[in-house]
Amino acid sequence: MLIAFNKPYGVLCQFTDRSDPPRRTLAEFGLPADVYPAGRLDHDSEGLLLLTDDGALAHRITDPRHKLAKIYRVQVEGAPQPEQLEALRRGVMLNDGPTRPAEVREIDIADAMPQLWSRDPPVRFRKTVPDAWLEIVLREGRNRQVRRMTAAVGLPTLRLLRVAIGPWRLDDLAPGEWRHLKGPI
């Protein structure tokens, strides 16, 4: 079984939380029994999370040797300059080593995601500081990688949405909704 889930902002990619007070988890969304996330998406990130009951499929989805493309739409603070975008394309040095090259382009979010949902809480708005949206395609997955990459080139991430993993797309799933997918890859 393979499930596409649109993970809302502020939800953990696990079914339980022992924090005090407890945080929101996947348990509140009526997902089928015995599925588990194939990969992670940070608490403060949104979008496509794949869940499966097939351990081998989860491994193929998450193992960087399979180089499944992960596509993100990223709102950044600042106006991206050509040299910043080129640095992301070449790969940047992070504290845990250099990243692989990424595909990066500036996008008009209204064209790329006409049905973009609002976020609660909303992203802070500052009249004097511009922001922009980028599409970033990665073929590796490190902890908070997109956020660390954009920060390394001087474009802090304000909002991060994952819209695709390999052949699977978020499409029109609203936050908190899920659907069955065809697999395996």
N, C-alpha and C. Protein backbone atom coordinates (compact mmCIF):
# COMPACT_ATOMS: atom_id res chain seq x y z
N MET A 1 0.85 -1.17 0.00
CA MET A 1 0.00 0.00 0.00
C MET A 1 0.89 1.24 0.00
N LEU A 2 0.50 2.23 -0.78
CA LEU A 2 1.24 3.49 -0.85
C LEU A 2 0.23 4.63 -0.76
N ILE A 3 0.49 5.57 0.12
CA ILE A 3 -0.42 6.68 0.40
C ILE A 3 0.32 8.01 0.16
N ALA A 4 -0.37 8.95 -0.51
CA ALA A 4 0.10 10.33 -0.59
C ALA A 4 -0.67 11.13 0.44
N PHE A 5 0.03 11.89 1.26
CA PHE A 5 -0.58 12.70 2.31
C PHE A 5 -0.05 14.11 2.19
N ASN A 6 -0.93 15.10 2.28
CA ASN A 6 -0.50 16.50 2.30
C ASN A 6 -0.34 16.90 3.76
N LYS A 7 0.91 16.85 4.22
CA LYS A 7 1.21 17.14 5.63
C LYS A 7 1.06 18.64 5.89
N PRO A 8 0.18 19.00 6.81
CA PRO A 8 0.05 20.41 7.15
C PRO A 8 1.25 20.92 7.96
N TYR A 9 1.40 22.23 7.97
CA TYR A 9 2.39 22.89 8.82
C TYR A 9 2.12 22.52 10.28
N GLY A 10 3.18 22.25 11.02
CA GLY A 10 3.04 22.00 12.45
C GLY A 10 2.68 20.58 12.83
N VAL A 11 2.75 19.65 11.89
CA VAL A 11 2.44 18.25 12.17
C VAL A 11 3.73 17.44 12.10
N LEU A 12 3.95 16.58 13.09
CA LEU A 12 5.12 15.70 13.09
C LEU A 12 4.90 14.53 12.14
N CYS A 13 5.98 14.01 11.56
CA CYS A 13 5.92 12.85 10.67
C CYS A 13 6.02 11.56 11.48
N GLN A 14 5.18 11.44 12.47
CA GLN A 14 5.11 10.25 13.31
C GLN A 14 3.71 10.18 13.89
N PHE A 15 3.37 9.02 14.46
CA PHE A 15 2.01 8.81 14.95
C PHE A 15 1.85 9.10 16.43
N THR A 16 2.95 9.24 17.17
CA THR A 16 2.86 9.56 18.59
C THR A 16 3.85 10.66 18.92
N ASP A 17 3.59 11.35 20.04
CA ASP A 17 4.50 12.38 20.52
C ASP A 17 4.43 12.39 22.03
N ARG A 18 5.59 12.35 22.64
CA ARG A 18 5.64 12.33 24.10
C ARG A 18 5.97 13.69 24.68
N SER A 19 5.94 14.72 23.88
CA SER A 19 6.23 16.07 24.37
C SER A 19 5.13 16.53 25.31
N ASP A 20 5.45 17.52 26.11
CA ASP A 20 4.45 18.13 26.99
C ASP A 20 4.47 19.63 26.75
N PRO A 21 3.47 20.21 26.16
CA PRO A 21 2.24 19.57 25.67
C PRO A 21 2.52 18.79 24.38
N PRO A 22 1.70 17.77 24.09
CA PRO A 22 1.90 16.98 22.87
C PRO A 22 1.67 17.83 21.62
N ARG A 23 2.43 17.53 20.59
CA ARG A 23 2.28 18.21 19.30
C ARG A 23 1.39 17.38 18.39
N ARG A 24 0.93 18.00 17.31
CA ARG A 24 0.09 17.31 16.35
C ARG A 24 0.90 16.21 15.66
N THR A 25 0.24 15.07 15.40
CA THR A 25 0.90 13.96 14.73
C THR A 25 0.02 13.42 13.60
N LEU A 26 0.54 12.44 12.89
CA LEU A 26 -0.20 11.80 11.80
C LEU A 26 -1.44 11.05 12.30
N ALA A 27 -1.48 10.73 13.59
CA ALA A 27 -2.58 9.94 14.14
C ALA A 27 -3.95 10.62 13.97
N GLU A 28 -3.99 11.92 13.84
CA GLU A 28 -5.28 12.61 13.78
C GLU A 28 -5.92 12.64 12.39
N PHE A 29 -5.29 12.00 11.37
CA PHE A 29 -5.77 12.16 10.01
C PHE A 29 -6.44 10.92 9.41
N GLY A 30 -6.73 9.91 10.23
CA GLY A 30 -7.46 8.75 9.76
C GLY A 30 -6.74 7.92 8.71
N LEU A 31 -5.43 7.90 8.77
CA LEU A 31 -4.65 7.11 7.83
C LEU A 31 -4.84 5.62 8.10
N PRO A 32 -4.68 4.78 7.07
CA PRO A 32 -4.83 3.33 7.28
C PRO A 32 -3.84 2.81 8.32
N ALA A 33 -4.22 1.72 8.97
CA ALA A 33 -3.34 1.09 9.96
C ALA A 33 -2.11 0.52 9.28
N ASP A 34 -1.02 0.47 10.02
CA ASP A 34 0.22 -0.18 9.59
C ASP A 34 0.94 0.51 8.44
N VAL A 35 0.68 1.79 8.17
CA VAL A 35 1.52 2.53 7.22
C VAL A 35 2.45 3.44 8.01
N TYR A 36 3.61 3.66 7.43
CA TYR A 36 4.63 4.49 8.09
C TYR A 36 5.25 5.42 7.06
N PRO A 37 5.74 6.58 7.50
CA PRO A 37 6.33 7.52 6.54
C PRO A 37 7.56 6.92 5.83
N ALA A 38 7.61 7.12 4.54
CA ALA A 38 8.79 6.77 3.74
C ALA A 38 9.57 8.06 3.58
N GLY A 39 10.37 8.39 4.58
CA GLY A 39 11.10 9.65 4.60
C GLY A 39 10.48 10.58 5.62
N ARG A 40 11.00 11.78 5.66
CA ARG A 40 10.57 12.76 6.66
C ARG A 40 10.24 14.08 5.98
N LEU A 41 9.50 14.87 6.67
CA LEU A 41 9.24 16.26 6.29
C LEU A 41 9.16 17.01 7.61
N ASP A 42 9.98 18.03 7.76
CA ASP A 42 10.09 18.74 9.03
C ASP A 42 8.74 19.23 9.54
N HIS A 43 8.67 19.39 10.84
CA HIS A 43 7.50 19.91 11.55
C HIS A 43 7.01 21.21 10.90
N ASP A 44 7.94 22.08 10.51
CA ASP A 44 7.56 23.38 9.96
C ASP A 44 7.55 23.42 8.43
N SER A 45 7.55 22.25 7.79
CA SER A 45 7.42 22.15 6.34
C SER A 45 6.08 21.51 6.02
N GLU A 46 5.65 21.70 4.78
CA GLU A 46 4.33 21.24 4.36
C GLU A 46 4.44 20.42 3.09
N GLY A 47 3.38 19.70 2.77
CA GLY A 47 3.30 19.07 1.47
C GLY A 47 3.39 17.57 1.48
N LEU A 48 3.86 17.02 0.35
CA LEU A 48 3.78 15.60 0.08
C LEU A 48 4.64 14.77 1.02
N LEU A 49 3.96 13.84 1.69
CA LEU A 49 4.60 12.82 2.50
C LEU A 49 4.04 11.49 2.01
N LEU A 50 4.94 10.55 1.67
CA LEU A 50 4.51 9.22 1.26
C LEU A 50 4.53 8.30 2.47
N LEU A 51 3.51 7.47 2.58
CA LEU A 51 3.44 6.47 3.65
C LEU A 51 3.18 5.11 3.01
N THR A 52 3.78 4.07 3.58
CA THR A 52 3.63 2.74 3.03
C THR A 52 3.70 1.69 4.12
N ASP A 53 3.19 0.51 3.80
CA ASP A 53 3.34 -0.64 4.69
C ASP A 53 4.39 -1.61 4.14
N ASP A 54 5.10 -1.20 3.09
CA ASP A 54 6.08 -2.02 2.40
C ASP A 54 7.49 -1.49 2.69
N GLY A 55 8.23 -2.21 3.53
CA GLY A 55 9.56 -1.76 3.92
C GLY A 55 10.53 -1.63 2.75
N ALA A 56 10.46 -2.55 1.79
CA ALA A 56 11.35 -2.47 0.62
C ALA A 56 11.03 -1.24 -0.22
N LEU A 57 9.75 -0.93 -0.37
CA LEU A 57 9.36 0.26 -1.13
C LEU A 57 9.82 1.51 -0.38
N ALA A 58 9.64 1.55 0.92
CA ALA A 58 10.10 2.71 1.71
C ALA A 58 11.60 2.91 1.51
N HIS A 59 12.36 1.83 1.49
CA HIS A 59 13.80 1.92 1.27
C HIS A 59 14.11 2.49 -0.11
N ARG A 60 13.42 2.02 -1.15
CA ARG A 60 13.66 2.55 -2.51
C ARG A 60 13.32 4.03 -2.60
N ILE A 61 12.30 4.46 -1.88
CA ILE A 61 11.91 5.87 -1.92
C ILE A 61 12.94 6.74 -1.21
N THR A 62 13.48 6.26 -0.10
CA THR A 62 14.35 7.11 0.72
C THR A 62 15.84 6.95 0.45
N ASP A 63 16.28 5.86 -0.12
CA ASP A 63 17.71 5.63 -0.33
C ASP A 63 18.24 6.56 -1.42
N PRO A 64 19.26 7.39 -1.10
CA PRO A 64 19.78 8.34 -2.09
C PRO A 64 20.39 7.67 -3.32
N ARG A 65 20.73 6.39 -3.22
CA ARG A 65 21.29 5.71 -4.40
C ARG A 65 20.27 5.62 -5.54
N HIS A 66 18.98 5.68 -5.21
CA HIS A 66 17.95 5.62 -6.24
C HIS A 66 17.69 6.99 -6.87
N LYS A 67 18.22 8.03 -6.27
CA LYS A 67 18.19 9.40 -6.81
C LYS A 67 16.78 9.85 -7.25
N LEU A 68 15.78 9.51 -6.44
CA LEU A 68 14.43 10.00 -6.74
C LEU A 68 14.41 11.52 -6.55
N ALA A 69 13.92 12.21 -7.55
CA ALA A 69 13.83 13.67 -7.46
C ALA A 69 12.77 14.06 -6.44
N LYS A 70 13.10 15.01 -5.59
CA LYS A 70 12.15 15.60 -4.66
C LYS A 70 12.02 17.06 -5.06
N ILE A 71 10.79 17.49 -5.35
CA ILE A 71 10.56 18.84 -5.84
C ILE A 71 9.91 19.67 -4.74
N TYR A 72 10.52 20.81 -4.48
CA TYR A 72 10.06 21.72 -3.43
C TYR A 72 9.73 23.08 -4.03
N ARG A 73 8.72 23.73 -3.47
CA ARG A 73 8.42 25.13 -3.75
C ARG A 73 8.79 25.86 -2.46
N VAL A 74 9.67 26.85 -2.59
CA VAL A 74 10.29 27.45 -1.41
C VAL A 74 10.14 28.97 -1.48
N GLN A 75 9.49 29.53 -0.48
CA GLN A 75 9.41 30.98 -0.36
C GLN A 75 10.63 31.43 0.43
N VAL A 76 11.41 32.33 -0.17
CA VAL A 76 12.63 32.80 0.48
C VAL A 76 12.55 34.30 0.73
N GLU A 77 13.28 34.72 1.74
CA GLU A 77 13.38 36.14 2.05
C GLU A 77 14.49 36.74 1.20
N GLY A 78 14.17 37.81 0.48
CA GLY A 78 15.14 38.46 -0.38
C GLY A 78 14.80 38.26 -1.85
N ALA A 79 15.50 39.03 -2.67
CA ALA A 79 15.36 38.92 -4.12
C ALA A 79 16.54 38.11 -4.64
N PRO A 80 16.30 36.90 -5.12
CA PRO A 80 17.42 36.05 -5.55
C PRO A 80 18.23 36.68 -6.67
N GLN A 81 19.53 36.63 -6.51
CA GLN A 81 20.45 37.13 -7.52
C GLN A 81 20.98 35.94 -8.32
N PRO A 82 21.37 36.17 -9.57
CA PRO A 82 21.85 35.06 -10.41
C PRO A 82 22.96 34.24 -9.75
N GLU A 83 23.88 34.90 -9.03
CA GLU A 83 24.97 34.16 -8.40
C GLU A 83 24.49 33.27 -7.25
N GLN A 84 23.42 33.69 -6.57
CA GLN A 84 22.85 32.86 -5.50
C GLN A 84 22.20 31.61 -6.08
N LEU A 85 21.46 31.78 -7.17
CA LEU A 85 20.81 30.64 -7.81
C LEU A 85 21.86 29.70 -8.39
N GLU A 86 22.91 30.25 -8.97
CA GLU A 86 23.97 29.42 -9.52
C GLU A 86 24.70 28.63 -8.43
N ALA A 87 24.89 29.23 -7.28
CA ALA A 87 25.52 28.52 -6.17
C ALA A 87 24.67 27.32 -5.75
N LEU A 88 23.35 27.49 -5.70
CA LEU A 88 22.47 26.37 -5.37
C LEU A 88 22.55 25.29 -6.44
N ARG A 89 22.64 25.71 -7.70
CA ARG A 89 22.72 24.75 -8.81
C ARG A 89 24.02 23.93 -8.76
N ARG A 90 25.10 24.56 -8.35
CA ARG A 90 26.40 23.86 -8.26
C ARG A 90 26.48 22.95 -7.04
N GLY A 91 25.73 23.31 -6.00
CA GLY A 91 25.83 22.63 -4.71
C GLY A 91 26.56 23.55 -3.75
N VAL A 92 26.13 23.56 -2.51
CA VAL A 92 26.74 24.45 -1.52
C VAL A 92 27.39 23.63 -0.41
N MET A 93 28.34 24.24 0.26
CA MET A 93 29.02 23.58 1.37
C MET A 93 28.20 23.82 2.64
N LEU A 94 27.79 22.71 3.28
CA LEU A 94 27.11 22.78 4.55
C LEU A 94 28.04 22.22 5.62
N ASN A 95 27.65 22.32 6.88
CA ASN A 95 28.53 21.84 7.94
C ASN A 95 28.76 20.33 7.88
N ASP A 96 27.89 19.59 7.18
CA ASP A 96 28.10 18.15 7.03
C ASP A 96 28.58 17.78 5.63
N GLY A 97 29.16 18.75 4.93
CA GLY A 97 29.76 18.49 3.62
C GLY A 97 28.99 19.14 2.49
N PRO A 98 29.52 19.02 1.28
CA PRO A 98 28.89 19.66 0.12
C PRO A 98 27.61 18.93 -0.29
N THR A 99 26.65 19.69 -0.79
CA THR A 99 25.42 19.09 -1.31
C THR A 99 25.65 18.72 -2.77
N ARG A 100 24.83 17.83 -3.26
CA ARG A 100 24.83 17.54 -4.69
C ARG A 100 24.25 18.76 -5.40
N PRO A 101 24.56 18.93 -6.67
CA PRO A 101 23.92 20.02 -7.42
C PRO A 101 22.41 19.88 -7.40
N ALA A 102 21.73 21.02 -7.42
CA ALA A 102 20.26 21.06 -7.42
C ALA A 102 19.78 21.75 -8.68
N GLU A 103 18.58 21.42 -9.08
CA GLU A 103 17.92 22.19 -10.14
C GLU A 103 17.17 23.30 -9.43
N VAL A 104 17.36 24.54 -9.87
CA VAL A 104 16.75 25.68 -9.19
C VAL A 104 16.26 26.68 -10.23
N ARG A 105 15.06 27.18 -10.01
CA ARG A 105 14.55 28.26 -10.85
C ARG A 105 13.59 29.11 -10.03
N GLU A 106 13.54 30.38 -10.36
CA GLU A 106 12.57 31.27 -9.73
C GLU A 106 11.23 31.04 -10.40
N ILE A 107 10.14 31.03 -9.62
CA ILE A 107 8.81 30.77 -10.15
C ILE A 107 7.82 31.83 -9.69
N ASP A 108 6.72 31.92 -10.42
CA ASP A 108 5.56 32.70 -10.00
C ASP A 108 4.63 31.71 -9.31
N ILE A 109 4.49 31.82 -8.01
CA ILE A 109 3.73 30.82 -7.26
C ILE A 109 2.27 30.77 -7.69
N ALA A 110 1.71 31.88 -8.15
CA ALA A 110 0.31 31.88 -8.59
C ALA A 110 0.13 31.01 -9.83
N ASP A 111 1.15 30.95 -10.68
CA ASP A 111 1.09 30.07 -11.85
C ASP A 111 1.42 28.63 -11.48
N ALA A 112 2.41 28.45 -10.63
CA ALA A 112 2.87 27.11 -10.27
C ALA A 112 1.88 26.38 -9.37
N MET A 113 1.23 27.12 -8.48
CA MET A 113 0.28 26.52 -7.53
C MET A 113 -0.92 27.44 -7.37
N PRO A 114 -1.82 27.46 -8.37
CA PRO A 114 -2.96 28.38 -8.28
C PRO A 114 -3.85 28.14 -7.07
N GLN A 115 -3.85 26.92 -6.55
CA GLN A 115 -4.69 26.59 -5.39
C GLN A 115 -3.88 26.57 -4.09
N LEU A 116 -2.82 27.36 -4.00
CA LEU A 116 -1.99 27.37 -2.79
C LEU A 116 -2.85 27.74 -1.58
N TRP A 117 -2.78 26.89 -0.58
CA TRP A 117 -3.56 27.09 0.64
C TRP A 117 -2.86 28.09 1.55
N SER A 118 -3.64 28.73 2.41
CA SER A 118 -3.05 29.63 3.40
C SER A 118 -2.45 28.79 4.51
N ARG A 119 -1.52 29.37 5.21
CA ARG A 119 -0.85 28.66 6.30
C ARG A 119 -1.25 29.28 7.62
N ASP A 120 -1.42 28.45 8.63
CA ASP A 120 -1.74 28.93 9.97
C ASP A 120 -0.64 28.46 10.91
N PRO A 121 0.18 29.36 11.46
CA PRO A 121 0.12 30.81 11.31
C PRO A 121 0.70 31.24 9.97
N PRO A 122 0.28 32.41 9.48
CA PRO A 122 0.79 32.88 8.20
C PRO A 122 2.28 33.22 8.28
N VAL A 123 2.93 33.20 7.13
CA VAL A 123 4.32 33.63 7.04
C VAL A 123 4.36 35.12 7.32
N ARG A 124 5.37 35.53 8.10
CA ARG A 124 5.46 36.97 8.42
C ARG A 124 5.66 37.78 7.14
N PHE A 125 5.05 38.94 7.11
CA PHE A 125 5.16 39.84 5.96
C PHE A 125 5.89 41.09 6.40
N ARG A 126 6.90 41.48 5.63
CA ARG A 126 7.65 42.71 5.92
C ARG A 126 7.66 43.57 4.67
N LYS A 127 7.08 44.77 4.77
CA LYS A 127 6.97 45.67 3.61
C LYS A 127 8.32 46.00 3.00
N THR A 128 9.34 46.11 3.83
CA THR A 128 10.65 46.58 3.35
C THR A 128 11.56 45.46 2.88
N VAL A 129 11.15 44.21 3.05
CA VAL A 129 12.00 43.09 2.64
C VAL A 129 11.25 42.26 1.60
N PRO A 130 11.79 42.17 0.38
CA PRO A 130 11.09 41.38 -0.63
C PRO A 130 11.19 39.89 -0.35
N ASP A 131 10.32 39.14 -0.98
CA ASP A 131 10.44 37.69 -0.93
C ASP A 131 10.21 37.16 -2.33
N ALA A 132 10.56 35.90 -2.54
CA ALA A 132 10.42 35.26 -3.84
C ALA A 132 10.17 33.78 -3.64
N TRP A 133 9.69 33.13 -4.68
CA TRP A 133 9.47 31.68 -4.67
C TRP A 133 10.44 31.01 -5.62
N LEU A 134 11.02 29.92 -5.15
CA LEU A 134 11.92 29.11 -5.96
C LEU A 134 11.35 27.70 -6.07
N GLU A 135 11.66 27.05 -7.18
CA GLU A 135 11.44 25.62 -7.28
C GLU A 135 12.81 24.97 -7.19
N ILE A 136 12.97 24.05 -6.26
CA ILE A 136 14.25 23.38 -6.03
C ILE A 136 14.02 21.88 -6.15
N VAL A 137 14.84 21.23 -6.97
CA VAL A 137 14.77 19.79 -7.16
C VAL A 137 16.05 19.18 -6.60
N LEU A 138 15.89 18.29 -5.61
CA LEU A 138 17.02 17.61 -4.99
C LEU A 138 16.95 16.11 -5.27
N ARG A 139 18.10 15.49 -5.24
CA ARG A 139 18.16 14.03 -5.37
C ARG A 139 18.92 13.41 -4.19
N GLU A 140 18.86 14.08 -3.08
CA GLU A 140 19.39 13.60 -1.81
C GLU A 140 18.48 14.16 -0.74
N GLY A 141 18.64 13.72 0.48
CA GLY A 141 17.74 14.20 1.52
C GLY A 141 18.43 14.25 2.86
N ARG A 142 18.99 15.38 3.18
CA ARG A 142 19.61 15.55 4.49
C ARG A 142 18.67 16.31 5.40
N ASN A 143 18.97 16.28 6.67
CA ASN A 143 18.17 16.98 7.66
C ASN A 143 18.12 18.48 7.34
N ARG A 144 16.91 18.98 7.16
CA ARG A 144 16.64 20.40 6.91
C ARG A 144 17.49 20.96 5.76
N GLN A 145 17.74 20.14 4.76
CA GLN A 145 18.67 20.49 3.69
C GLN A 145 18.26 21.74 2.90
N VAL A 146 17.02 21.83 2.46
CA VAL A 146 16.61 22.99 1.66
C VAL A 146 16.80 24.27 2.47
N ARG A 147 16.37 24.27 3.71
CA ARG A 147 16.51 25.46 4.56
C ARG A 147 17.98 25.83 4.74
N ARG A 148 18.83 24.83 4.96
CA ARG A 148 20.25 25.12 5.15
C ARG A 148 20.90 25.61 3.86
N MET A 149 20.49 25.07 2.73
CA MET A 149 21.05 25.50 1.45
C MET A 149 20.68 26.95 1.14
N THR A 150 19.39 27.29 1.29
CA THR A 150 18.99 28.66 0.97
C THR A 150 19.63 29.65 1.94
N ALA A 151 19.74 29.27 3.20
CA ALA A 151 20.41 30.16 4.18
C ALA A 151 21.88 30.35 3.82
N ALA A 152 22.53 29.29 3.33
CA ALA A 152 23.95 29.37 3.00
C ALA A 152 24.24 30.36 1.88
N VAL A 153 23.24 30.60 1.02
CA VAL A 153 23.44 31.58 -0.07
C VAL A 153 22.78 32.92 0.24
N GLY A 154 22.31 33.11 1.47
CA GLY A 154 21.75 34.40 1.88
C GLY A 154 20.28 34.59 1.56
N LEU A 155 19.54 33.49 1.39
CA LEU A 155 18.10 33.55 1.11
C LEU A 155 17.36 32.67 2.11
N PRO A 156 17.13 33.16 3.33
CA PRO A 156 16.47 32.32 4.33
C PRO A 156 15.09 31.85 3.87
N THR A 157 14.76 30.61 4.18
CA THR A 157 13.47 30.03 3.82
C THR A 157 12.39 30.54 4.76
N LEU A 158 11.30 31.00 4.18
CA LEU A 158 10.12 31.43 4.94
C LEU A 158 9.04 30.35 4.96
N ARG A 159 8.90 29.65 3.84
CA ARG A 159 7.89 28.60 3.72
C ARG A 159 8.42 27.54 2.77
N LEU A 160 8.17 26.28 3.11
CA LEU A 160 8.69 25.18 2.30
C LEU A 160 7.59 24.15 2.06
N LEU A 161 7.33 23.86 0.79
CA LEU A 161 6.31 22.90 0.38
C LEU A 161 6.96 21.84 -0.50
N ARG A 162 6.77 20.56 -0.19
CA ARG A 162 7.24 19.52 -1.10
C ARG A 162 6.04 19.13 -1.97
N VAL A 163 6.24 19.16 -3.28
CA VAL A 163 5.13 18.90 -4.20
C VAL A 163 5.27 17.59 -4.97
N ALA A 164 6.47 16.96 -4.94
CA ALA A 164 6.64 15.69 -5.66
C ALA A 164 7.81 14.91 -5.09
N ILE A 165 7.68 13.58 -5.18
CA ILE A 165 8.76 12.65 -4.88
C ILE A 165 8.74 11.63 -6.01
N GLY A 166 9.80 11.61 -6.81
CA GLY A 166 9.83 10.71 -7.96
C GLY A 166 8.61 10.93 -8.82
N PRO A 167 7.88 9.85 -9.16
CA PRO A 167 6.72 10.01 -10.04
C PRO A 167 5.45 10.46 -9.33
N TRP A 168 5.49 10.56 -8.01
CA TRP A 168 4.29 10.87 -7.25
C TRP A 168 4.19 12.36 -6.97
N ARG A 169 2.99 12.92 -7.19
CA ARG A 169 2.76 14.36 -7.07
C ARG A 169 1.68 14.64 -6.02
N LEU A 170 1.79 15.82 -5.44
CA LEU A 170 0.79 16.29 -4.48
C LEU A 170 -0.53 16.59 -5.18
N ASP A 171 -0.43 17.16 -6.37
CA ASP A 171 -1.60 17.56 -7.16
C ASP A 171 -2.55 18.41 -6.32
N ASP A 172 -3.83 18.03 -6.26
CA ASP A 172 -4.84 18.89 -5.62
C ASP A 172 -5.21 18.46 -4.21
N LEU A 173 -4.36 17.66 -3.57
CA LEU A 173 -4.66 17.27 -2.18
C LEU A 173 -4.60 18.50 -1.27
N ALA A 174 -5.62 18.70 -0.48
CA ALA A 174 -5.63 19.79 0.49
C ALA A 174 -4.86 19.35 1.74
N PRO A 175 -4.37 20.29 2.54
CA PRO A 175 -3.67 19.92 3.77
C PRO A 175 -4.52 18.98 4.63
N GLY A 176 -3.89 17.90 5.09
CA GLY A 176 -4.58 16.92 5.92
C GLY A 176 -5.29 15.83 5.15
N GLU A 177 -5.37 15.94 3.83
CA GLU A 177 -6.03 14.92 3.01
C GLU A 177 -5.01 13.90 2.53
N TRP A 178 -5.49 12.71 2.19
CA TRP A 178 -4.63 11.66 1.67
C TRP A 178 -5.37 10.85 0.63
N ARG A 179 -4.59 10.11 -0.20
CA ARG A 179 -5.18 9.22 -1.21
C ARG A 179 -4.23 8.06 -1.45
N HIS A 180 -4.80 6.94 -1.92
CA HIS A 180 -4.02 5.77 -2.31
C HIS A 180 -3.32 6.06 -3.63
N LEU A 181 -2.09 5.53 -3.77
CA LEU A 181 -1.31 5.67 -4.99
C LEU A 181 -0.99 4.29 -5.55
N LYS A 182 -0.58 4.29 -6.81
CA LYS A 182 -0.07 3.06 -7.40
C LYS A 182 1.42 2.99 -7.15
N GLY A 183 1.92 1.84 -6.85
CA GLY A 183 3.35 1.61 -6.64
C GLY A 183 3.59 0.19 -7.07
N PRO A 184 4.72 -0.34 -7.00
CA PRO A 184 5.99 0.31 -6.62
C PRO A 184 6.64 0.99 -7.81
N ILE A 185 7.79 1.57 -7.53
CA ILE A 185 8.53 2.25 -8.59
C ILE A 185 9.35 1.25 -9.37
